[in-house]
Amino acid sequence: VFVIGNSNKPWVSLPKDKGVKLTIAEERDARREKAAEA
């Protein structure tokens, strides 16, 4: 565990998914939405 900020404000910017892991089903739905938009 590496502390990166006080309370809920990180001191360093986070990559695009902001450190939130999606389940396999959520990843699949996001992929399908993206494909449909494209």
ModelCIF file with pLDDT and N, C-alpha, C, O atoms, coordinates in Angstrom:
data_MODEL
#
_entry.id   MODEL 
#
_entity.id                         1 
_entity.type                       polymer 
_entity.pdbx_number_of_molecules   1 
#
_entity_poly.entity_id                      1 
_entity_poly.type                           'polypeptide(L)' 
_entity_poly.nstd_linkage                   no 
_entity_poly.nstd_monomer                   no 
_entity_poly.pdbx_seq_one_letter_code       VFVIGNSNKPWVSLPKDKGVKLTIAEERDARREKAAEA 
_entity_poly.pdbx_seq_one_letter_code_can   VFVIGNSNKPWVSLPKDKGVKLTIAEERDARREKAAEA 
_entity_poly.pdbx_strand_id                 A 
#
loop_
_entity_poly_seq.entity_id 
_entity_poly_seq.num 
_entity_poly_seq.mon_id 
_entity_poly_seq.hetero 
1 1  VAL n 
1 2  PHE n 
1 3  VAL n 
1 4  ILE n 
1 5  GLY n 
1 6  ASN n 
1 7  SER n 
1 8  ASN n 
1 9  LYS n 
1 10 PRO n 
1 11 TRP n 
1 12 VAL n 
1 13 SER n 
1 14 LEU n 
1 15 PRO n 
1 16 LYS n 
1 17 ASP n 
1 18 LYS n 
1 19 GLY n 
1 20 VAL n 
1 21 LYS n 
1 22 LEU n 
1 23 THR n 
1 24 ILE n 
1 25 ALA n 
1 26 GLU n 
1 27 GLU n 
1 28 ARG n 
1 29 ASP n 
1 30 ALA n 
1 31 ARG n 
1 32 ARG n 
1 33 GLU n 
1 34 LYS n 
1 35 ALA n 
1 36 ALA n 
1 37 GLU n 
1 38 ALA n 
#
_struct_asym.id          A 
_struct_asym.entity_id   1 
#
loop_
_ma_qa_metric.id 
_ma_qa_metric.mode 
_ma_qa_metric.name 
_ma_qa_metric.software_group_id 
_ma_qa_metric.type 
1 global pLDDT . pLDDT 
2 local  pLDDT . pLDDT 
#
_ma_qa_metric_global.metric_id      1 
_ma_qa_metric_global.metric_value   91.32 
_ma_qa_metric_global.model_id       1 
_ma_qa_metric_global.ordinal_id     1 
#
loop_
_ma_qa_metric_local.label_asym_id 
_ma_qa_metric_local.label_comp_id 
_ma_qa_metric_local.label_seq_id 
_ma_qa_metric_local.metric_id 
_ma_qa_metric_local.metric_value 
_ma_qa_metric_local.model_id 
_ma_qa_metric_local.ordinal_id 
A VAL 1  2 95.00 1 1  
A PHE 2  2 95.00 1 2  
A VAL 3  2 95.00 1 3  
A ILE 4  2 93.00 1 4  
A GLY 5  2 92.00 1 5  
A ASN 6  2 91.00 1 6  
A SER 7  2 85.00 1 7  
A ASN 8  2 85.00 1 8  
A LYS 9  2 90.00 1 9  
A PRO 10 2 91.00 1 10 
A TRP 11 2 93.00 1 11 
A VAL 12 2 92.00 1 12 
A SER 13 2 92.00 1 13 
A LEU 14 2 92.00 1 14 
A PRO 15 2 90.00 1 15 
A LYS 16 2 88.00 1 16 
A ASP 17 2 87.00 1 17 
A LYS 18 2 88.00 1 18 
A GLY 19 2 86.00 1 19 
A VAL 20 2 90.00 1 20 
A LYS 21 2 92.00 1 21 
A LEU 22 2 90.00 1 22 
A THR 23 2 90.00 1 23 
A ILE 24 2 92.00 1 24 
A ALA 25 2 94.00 1 25 
A GLU 26 2 92.00 1 26 
A GLU 27 2 91.00 1 27 
A ARG 28 2 94.00 1 28 
A ASP 29 2 94.00 1 29 
A ALA 30 2 92.00 1 30 
A ARG 31 2 93.00 1 31 
A ARG 32 2 94.00 1 32 
A GLU 33 2 93.00 1 33 
A LYS 34 2 92.00 1 34 
A ALA 35 2 93.00 1 35 
A ALA 36 2 93.00 1 36 
A GLU 37 2 91.00 1 37 
A ALA 38 2 90.00 1 38 
#
loop_
_atom_site.group_PDB 
_atom_site.id 
_atom_site.type_symbol 
_atom_site.label_atom_id 
_atom_site.label_alt_id 
_atom_site.label_comp_id 
_atom_site.label_asym_id 
_atom_site.label_entity_id 
_atom_site.label_seq_id 
_atom_site.pdbx_PDB_ins_code 
_atom_site.Cartn_x 
_atom_site.Cartn_y 
_atom_site.Cartn_z 
_atom_site.occupancy 
_atom_site.B_iso_or_equiv 
_atom_site.pdbx_formal_charge 
_atom_site.auth_seq_id 
_atom_site.auth_comp_id 
_atom_site.auth_asym_id 
_atom_site.auth_atom_id 
_atom_site.pdbx_PDB_model_num 
ATOM 1   N N  . VAL A 1 1  ? 0.847   -1.203 0.000   1.00 95.00 ? 1  VAL A N  1 
ATOM 2   C CA . VAL A 1 1  ? 0.000   0.000  0.000   1.00 95.00 ? 1  VAL A CA 1 
ATOM 3   C C  . VAL A 1 1  ? 0.877   1.246  0.000   1.00 95.00 ? 1  VAL A C  1 
ATOM 4   O O  . VAL A 1 1  ? 1.758   1.403  0.846   1.00 95.00 ? 1  VAL A O  1 
ATOM 5   N N  . PHE A 1 2  ? 0.623   2.127  -0.961  1.00 95.00 ? 2  PHE A N  1 
ATOM 6   C CA . PHE A 1 2  ? 1.415   3.351  -1.131  1.00 95.00 ? 2  PHE A CA 1 
ATOM 7   C C  . PHE A 1 2  ? 0.460   4.539  -1.032  1.00 95.00 ? 2  PHE A C  1 
ATOM 8   O O  . PHE A 1 2  ? -0.364  4.747  -1.922  1.00 95.00 ? 2  PHE A O  1 
ATOM 9   N N  . VAL A 1 3  ? 0.565   5.315  0.039   1.00 95.00 ? 3  VAL A N  1 
ATOM 10  C CA . VAL A 1 3  ? -0.342  6.445  0.247   1.00 95.00 ? 3  VAL A CA 1 
ATOM 11  C C  . VAL A 1 3  ? -0.003  7.546  -0.761  1.00 95.00 ? 3  VAL A C  1 
ATOM 12  O O  . VAL A 1 3  ? 1.152   7.956  -0.873  1.00 95.00 ? 3  VAL A O  1 
ATOM 13  N N  . ILE A 1 4  ? -1.018  8.024  -1.494  1.00 93.00 ? 4  ILE A N  1 
ATOM 14  C CA . ILE A 1 4  ? -0.742  9.034  -2.531  1.00 93.00 ? 4  ILE A CA 1 
ATOM 15  C C  . ILE A 1 4  ? -1.474  10.346 -2.294  1.00 93.00 ? 4  ILE A C  1 
ATOM 16  O O  . ILE A 1 4  ? -1.367  11.259 -3.112  1.00 93.00 ? 4  ILE A O  1 
ATOM 17  N N  . GLY A 1 5  ? -2.229  10.466 -1.178  1.00 92.00 ? 5  GLY A N  1 
ATOM 18  C CA . GLY A 1 5  ? -2.892  11.746 -0.954  1.00 92.00 ? 5  GLY A CA 1 
ATOM 19  C C  . GLY A 1 5  ? -3.619  11.796 0.375   1.00 92.00 ? 5  GLY A C  1 
ATOM 20  O O  . GLY A 1 5  ? -3.924  10.768 0.979   1.00 92.00 ? 5  GLY A O  1 
ATOM 21  N N  . ASN A 1 6  ? -3.893  13.035 0.823   1.00 91.00 ? 6  ASN A N  1 
ATOM 22  C CA . ASN A 1 6  ? -4.661  13.227 2.046   1.00 91.00 ? 6  ASN A CA 1 
ATOM 23  C C  . ASN A 1 6  ? -6.152  13.100 1.745   1.00 91.00 ? 6  ASN A C  1 
ATOM 24  O O  . ASN A 1 6  ? -6.622  13.517 0.686   1.00 91.00 ? 6  ASN A O  1 
ATOM 25  N N  . SER A 1 7  ? -6.888  12.517 2.693   1.00 85.00 ? 7  SER A N  1 
ATOM 26  C CA . SER A 1 7  ? -8.312  12.198 2.540   1.00 85.00 ? 7  SER A CA 1 
ATOM 27  C C  . SER A 1 7  ? -8.527  11.583 1.161   1.00 85.00 ? 7  SER A C  1 
ATOM 28  O O  . SER A 1 7  ? -7.925  10.550 0.866   1.00 85.00 ? 7  SER A O  1 
ATOM 29  N N  . ASN A 1 8  ? -9.370  12.181 0.294   1.00 85.00 ? 8  ASN A N  1 
ATOM 30  C CA . ASN A 1 8  ? -9.596  11.521 -1.002  1.00 85.00 ? 8  ASN A CA 1 
ATOM 31  C C  . ASN A 1 8  ? -8.992  12.300 -2.161  1.00 85.00 ? 8  ASN A C  1 
ATOM 32  O O  . ASN A 1 8  ? -9.409  12.124 -3.306  1.00 85.00 ? 8  ASN A O  1 
ATOM 33  N N  . LYS A 1 9  ? -8.002  13.168 -1.878  1.00 90.00 ? 9  LYS A N  1 
ATOM 34  C CA . LYS A 1 9  ? -7.383  13.966 -2.954  1.00 90.00 ? 9  LYS A CA 1 
ATOM 35  C C  . LYS A 1 9  ? -5.958  13.472 -3.211  1.00 90.00 ? 9  LYS A C  1 
ATOM 36  O O  . LYS A 1 9  ? -5.059  13.732 -2.411  1.00 90.00 ? 9  LYS A O  1 
ATOM 37  N N  . PRO A 1 10 ? -5.747  12.759 -4.330  1.00 91.00 ? 10 PRO A N  1 
ATOM 38  C CA . PRO A 1 10 ? -4.378  12.312 -4.649  1.00 91.00 ? 10 PRO A CA 1 
ATOM 39  C C  . PRO A 1 10 ? -3.486  13.502 -5.000  1.00 91.00 ? 10 PRO A C  1 
ATOM 40  O O  . PRO A 1 10 ? -3.939  14.459 -5.627  1.00 91.00 ? 10 PRO A O  1 
ATOM 41  N N  . TRP A 1 11 ? -2.214  13.436 -4.592  1.00 93.00 ? 11 TRP A N  1 
ATOM 42  C CA . TRP A 1 11 ? -1.261  14.499 -4.906  1.00 93.00 ? 11 TRP A CA 1 
ATOM 43  C C  . TRP A 1 11 ? -0.662  14.337 -6.290  1.00 93.00 ? 11 TRP A C  1 
ATOM 44  O O  . TRP A 1 11 ? -0.084  15.278 -6.833  1.00 93.00 ? 11 TRP A O  1 
ATOM 45  N N  . VAL A 1 12 ? -0.795  13.142 -6.868  1.00 92.00 ? 12 VAL A N  1 
ATOM 46  C CA . VAL A 1 12 ? -0.308  12.931 -8.227  1.00 92.00 ? 12 VAL A CA 1 
ATOM 47  C C  . VAL A 1 12 ? -1.516  12.628 -9.105  1.00 92.00 ? 12 VAL A C  1 
ATOM 48  O O  . VAL A 1 12 ? -2.496  12.048 -8.637  1.00 92.00 ? 12 VAL A O  1 
ATOM 49  N N  . SER A 1 13 ? -1.448  13.021 -10.382 1.00 92.00 ? 13 SER A N  1 
ATOM 50  C CA . SER A 1 13 ? -2.570  12.734 -11.276 1.00 92.00 ? 13 SER A CA 1 
ATOM 51  C C  . SER A 1 13 ? -2.583  11.242 -11.584 1.00 92.00 ? 13 SER A C  1 
ATOM 52  O O  . SER A 1 13 ? -1.534  10.600 -11.644 1.00 92.00 ? 13 SER A O  1 
ATOM 53  N N  . LEU A 1 14 ? -3.783  10.698 -11.778 1.00 92.00 ? 14 LEU A N  1 
ATOM 54  C CA . LEU A 1 14 ? -3.933  9.259  -12.011 1.00 92.00 ? 14 LEU A CA 1 
ATOM 55  C C  . LEU A 1 14 ? -4.199  8.989  -13.481 1.00 92.00 ? 14 LEU A C  1 
ATOM 56  O O  . LEU A 1 14 ? -4.718  9.859  -14.180 1.00 92.00 ? 14 LEU A O  1 
ATOM 57  N N  . PRO A 1 15 ? -3.851  7.780  -13.976 1.00 90.00 ? 15 PRO A N  1 
ATOM 58  C CA . PRO A 1 15 ? -4.151  7.457  -15.381 1.00 90.00 ? 15 PRO A CA 1 
ATOM 59  C C  . PRO A 1 15 ? -5.649  7.382  -15.630 1.00 90.00 ? 15 PRO A C  1 
ATOM 60  O O  . PRO A 1 15 ? -6.448  7.552  -14.708 1.00 90.00 ? 15 PRO A O  1 
ATOM 61  N N  . LYS A 1 16 ? -6.028  7.127  -16.879 1.00 88.00 ? 16 LYS A N  1 
ATOM 62  C CA . LYS A 1 16 ? -7.425  7.370  -17.288 1.00 88.00 ? 16 LYS A CA 1 
ATOM 63  C C  . LYS A 1 16 ? -8.481  6.579  -16.526 1.00 88.00 ? 16 LYS A C  1 
ATOM 64  O O  . LYS A 1 16 ? -9.595  7.073  -16.353 1.00 88.00 ? 16 LYS A O  1 
ATOM 65  N N  . ASP A 1 17 ? -8.171  5.363  -16.062 1.00 87.00 ? 17 ASP A N  1 
ATOM 66  C CA . ASP A 1 17 ? -9.210  4.603  -15.345 1.00 87.00 ? 17 ASP A CA 1 
ATOM 67  C C  . ASP A 1 17 ? -9.295  4.984  -13.876 1.00 87.00 ? 17 ASP A C  1 
ATOM 68  O O  . ASP A 1 17 ? -10.130 4.448  -13.146 1.00 87.00 ? 17 ASP A O  1 
ATOM 69  N N  . LYS A 1 18 ? -8.431  5.916  -13.424 1.00 88.00 ? 18 LYS A N  1 
ATOM 70  C CA . LYS A 1 18 ? -8.464  6.456  -12.053 1.00 88.00 ? 18 LYS A CA 1 
ATOM 71  C C  . LYS A 1 18 ? -8.356  5.369  -10.983 1.00 88.00 ? 18 LYS A C  1 
ATOM 72  O O  . LYS A 1 18 ? -8.812  5.554  -9.855  1.00 88.00 ? 18 LYS A O  1 
ATOM 73  N N  . GLY A 1 19 ? -7.748  4.232  -11.343 1.00 86.00 ? 19 GLY A N  1 
ATOM 74  C CA . GLY A 1 19 ? -7.520  3.189  -10.353 1.00 86.00 ? 19 GLY A CA 1 
ATOM 75  C C  . GLY A 1 19 ? -8.760  2.417  -9.955  1.00 86.00 ? 19 GLY A C  1 
ATOM 76  O O  . GLY A 1 19 ? -8.770  1.754  -8.918  1.00 86.00 ? 19 GLY A O  1 
ATOM 77  N N  . VAL A 1 20 ? -9.825  2.494  -10.779 1.00 90.00 ? 20 VAL A N  1 
ATOM 78  C CA . VAL A 1 20 ? -11.043 1.728  -10.481 1.00 90.00 ? 20 VAL A CA 1 
ATOM 79  C C  . VAL A 1 20 ? -11.082 0.515  -11.391 1.00 90.00 ? 20 VAL A C  1 
ATOM 80  O O  . VAL A 1 20 ? -11.139 0.647  -12.614 1.00 90.00 ? 20 VAL A O  1 
ATOM 81  N N  . LYS A 1 21 ? -11.051 -0.668 -10.792 1.00 92.00 ? 21 LYS A N  1 
ATOM 82  C CA . LYS A 1 21 ? -11.011 -1.893 -11.585 1.00 92.00 ? 21 LYS A CA 1 
ATOM 83  C C  . LYS A 1 21 ? -12.433 -2.332 -11.934 1.00 92.00 ? 21 LYS A C  1 
ATOM 84  O O  . LYS A 1 21 ? -13.303 -2.404 -11.066 1.00 92.00 ? 21 LYS A O  1 
ATOM 85  N N  . LEU A 1 22 ? -12.652 -2.619 -13.198 1.00 90.00 ? 22 LEU A N  1 
ATOM 86  C CA . LEU A 1 22 ? -13.973 -3.081 -13.641 1.00 90.00 ? 22 LEU A CA 1 
ATOM 87  C C  . LEU A 1 22 ? -14.018 -4.601 -13.621 1.00 90.00 ? 22 LEU A C  1 
ATOM 88  O O  . LEU A 1 22 ? -12.992 -5.265 -13.768 1.00 90.00 ? 22 LEU A O  1 
ATOM 89  N N  . THR A 1 23 ? -15.226 -5.152 -13.435 1.00 90.00 ? 23 THR A N  1 
ATOM 90  C CA . THR A 1 23 ? -15.366 -6.600 -13.553 1.00 90.00 ? 23 THR A CA 1 
ATOM 91  C C  . THR A 1 23 ? -15.292 -6.970 -15.034 1.00 90.00 ? 23 THR A C  1 
ATOM 92  O O  . THR A 1 23 ? -15.356 -6.100 -15.902 1.00 90.00 ? 23 THR A O  1 
ATOM 93  N N  . ILE A 1 24 ? -15.157 -8.265 -15.315 1.00 92.00 ? 24 ILE A N  1 
ATOM 94  C CA . ILE A 1 24 ? -15.050 -8.721 -16.703 1.00 92.00 ? 24 ILE A CA 1 
ATOM 95  C C  . ILE A 1 24 ? -16.304 -8.324 -17.490 1.00 92.00 ? 24 ILE A C  1 
ATOM 96  O O  . ILE A 1 24 ? -16.223 -7.932 -18.654 1.00 92.00 ? 24 ILE A O  1 
ATOM 97  N N  . ALA A 1 25 ? -17.476 -8.433 -16.825 1.00 94.00 ? 25 ALA A N  1 
ATOM 98  C CA . ALA A 1 25 ? -18.733 -8.095 -17.499 1.00 94.00 ? 25 ALA A CA 1 
ATOM 99  C C  . ALA A 1 25 ? -18.786 -6.601 -17.819 1.00 94.00 ? 25 ALA A C  1 
ATOM 100 O O  . ALA A 1 25 ? -19.242 -6.207 -18.892 1.00 94.00 ? 25 ALA A O  1 
ATOM 101 N N  . GLU A 1 26 ? -18.319 -5.775 -16.884 1.00 92.00 ? 26 GLU A N  1 
ATOM 102 C CA . GLU A 1 26 ? -18.330 -4.331 -17.122 1.00 92.00 ? 26 GLU A CA 1 
ATOM 103 C C  . GLU A 1 26 ? -17.371 -3.950 -18.247 1.00 92.00 ? 26 GLU A C  1 
ATOM 104 O O  . GLU A 1 26 ? -17.660 -3.075 -19.064 1.00 92.00 ? 26 GLU A O  1 
ATOM 105 N N  . GLU A 1 27 ? -16.217 -4.630 -18.270 1.00 91.00 ? 27 GLU A N  1 
ATOM 106 C CA . GLU A 1 27 ? -15.264 -4.375 -19.356 1.00 91.00 ? 27 GLU A CA 1 
ATOM 107 C C  . GLU A 1 27 ? -15.884 -4.718 -20.703 1.00 91.00 ? 27 GLU A C  1 
ATOM 108 O O  . GLU A 1 27 ? -15.731 -3.983 -21.679 1.00 91.00 ? 27 GLU A O  1 
ATOM 109 N N  . ARG A 1 28 ? -16.593 -5.859 -20.738 1.00 94.00 ? 28 ARG A N  1 
ATOM 110 C CA . ARG A 1 28 ? -17.231 -6.284 -21.988 1.00 94.00 ? 28 ARG A CA 1 
ATOM 111 C C  . ARG A 1 28 ? -18.283 -5.262 -22.438 1.00 94.00 ? 28 ARG A C  1 
ATOM 112 O O  . ARG A 1 28 ? -18.347 -4.912 -23.617 1.00 94.00 ? 28 ARG A O  1 
ATOM 113 N N  . ASP A 1 29 ? -19.110 -4.784 -21.494 1.00 94.00 ? 29 ASP A N  1 
ATOM 114 C CA . ASP A 1 29 ? -20.150 -3.812 -21.846 1.00 94.00 ? 29 ASP A CA 1 
ATOM 115 C C  . ASP A 1 29 ? -19.530 -2.522 -22.369 1.00 94.00 ? 29 ASP A C  1 
ATOM 116 O O  . ASP A 1 29 ? -20.022 -1.927 -23.328 1.00 94.00 ? 29 ASP A O  1 
ATOM 117 N N  . ALA A 1 30 ? -18.418 -2.089 -21.713 1.00 92.00 ? 30 ALA A N  1 
ATOM 118 C CA . ALA A 1 30 ? -17.747 -0.850 -22.157 1.00 92.00 ? 30 ALA A CA 1 
ATOM 119 C C  . ALA A 1 30 ? -17.210 -1.021 -23.575 1.00 92.00 ? 30 ALA A C  1 
ATOM 120 O O  . ALA A 1 30 ? -17.295 -0.109 -24.397 1.00 92.00 ? 30 ALA A O  1 
ATOM 121 N N  . ARG A 1 31 ? -16.651 -2.211 -23.852 1.00 93.00 ? 31 ARG A N  1 
ATOM 122 C CA . ARG A 1 31 ? -16.115 -2.491 -25.201 1.00 93.00 ? 31 ARG A CA 1 
ATOM 123 C C  . ARG A 1 31 ? -17.242 -2.430 -26.240 1.00 93.00 ? 31 ARG A C  1 
ATOM 124 O O  . ARG A 1 31 ? -17.086 -1.850 -27.315 1.00 93.00 ? 31 ARG A O  1 
ATOM 125 N N  . ARG A 1 32 ? -18.381 -3.044 -25.890 1.00 94.00 ? 32 ARG A N  1 
ATOM 126 C CA . ARG A 1 32 ? -19.497 -3.080 -26.835 1.00 94.00 ? 32 ARG A CA 1 
ATOM 127 C C  . ARG A 1 32 ? -20.038 -1.672 -27.108 1.00 94.00 ? 32 ARG A C  1 
ATOM 128 O O  . ARG A 1 32 ? -20.352 -1.328 -28.248 1.00 94.00 ? 32 ARG A O  1 
ATOM 129 N N  . GLU A 1 33 ? -20.142 -0.858 -26.040 1.00 93.00 ? 33 GLU A N  1 
ATOM 130 C CA . GLU A 1 33 ? -20.609 0.521  -26.218 1.00 93.00 ? 33 GLU A CA 1 
ATOM 131 C C  . GLU A 1 33 ? -19.681 1.283  -27.157 1.00 93.00 ? 33 GLU A C  1 
ATOM 132 O O  . GLU A 1 33 ? -20.120 2.005  -28.053 1.00 93.00 ? 33 GLU A O  1 
ATOM 133 N N  . LYS A 1 34 ? -18.375 1.096  -26.922 1.00 92.00 ? 34 LYS A N  1 
ATOM 134 C CA . LYS A 1 34 ? -17.385 1.798  -27.728 1.00 92.00 ? 34 LYS A CA 1 
ATOM 135 C C  . LYS A 1 34 ? -17.500 1.382  -29.202 1.00 92.00 ? 34 LYS A C  1 
ATOM 136 O O  . LYS A 1 34 ? -17.436 2.213  -30.108 1.00 92.00 ? 34 LYS A O  1 
ATOM 137 N N  . ALA A 1 35 ? -17.676 0.050  -29.411 1.00 93.00 ? 35 ALA A N  1 
ATOM 138 C CA . ALA A 1 35 ? -17.806 -0.469 -30.788 1.00 93.00 ? 35 ALA A CA 1 
ATOM 139 C C  . ALA A 1 35 ? -19.068 0.095  -31.456 1.00 93.00 ? 35 ALA A C  1 
ATOM 140 O O  . ALA A 1 35 ? -19.067 0.449  -32.635 1.00 93.00 ? 35 ALA A O  1 
ATOM 141 N N  . ALA A 1 36 ? -20.158 0.165  -30.648 1.00 93.00 ? 36 ALA A N  1 
ATOM 142 C CA . ALA A 1 36 ? -21.413 0.672  -31.201 1.00 93.00 ? 36 ALA A CA 1 
ATOM 143 C C  . ALA A 1 36 ? -21.281 2.150  -31.588 1.00 93.00 ? 36 ALA A C  1 
ATOM 144 O O  . ALA A 1 36 ? -21.788 2.587  -32.621 1.00 93.00 ? 36 ALA A O  1 
ATOM 145 N N  . GLU A 1 37 ? -20.572 2.920  -30.712 1.00 91.00 ? 37 GLU A N  1 
ATOM 146 C CA . GLU A 1 37 ? -20.367 4.344  -31.025 1.00 91.00 ? 37 GLU A CA 1 
ATOM 147 C C  . GLU A 1 37 ? -19.521 4.521  -32.284 1.00 91.00 ? 37 GLU A C  1 
ATOM 148 O O  . GLU A 1 37 ? -19.767 5.406  -33.102 1.00 91.00 ? 37 GLU A O  1 
ATOM 149 N N  . ALA A 1 38 ? -18.514 3.648  -32.414 1.00 90.00 ? 38 ALA A N  1 
ATOM 150 C CA . ALA A 1 38 ? -17.608 3.767  -33.570 1.00 90.00 ? 38 ALA A CA 1 
ATOM 151 C C  . ALA A 1 38 ? -18.349 3.451  -34.873 1.00 90.00 ? 38 ALA A C  1 
ATOM 152 O O  . ALA A 1 38 ? -17.753 3.498  -35.950 1.00 90.00 ? 38 ALA A O  1 
#
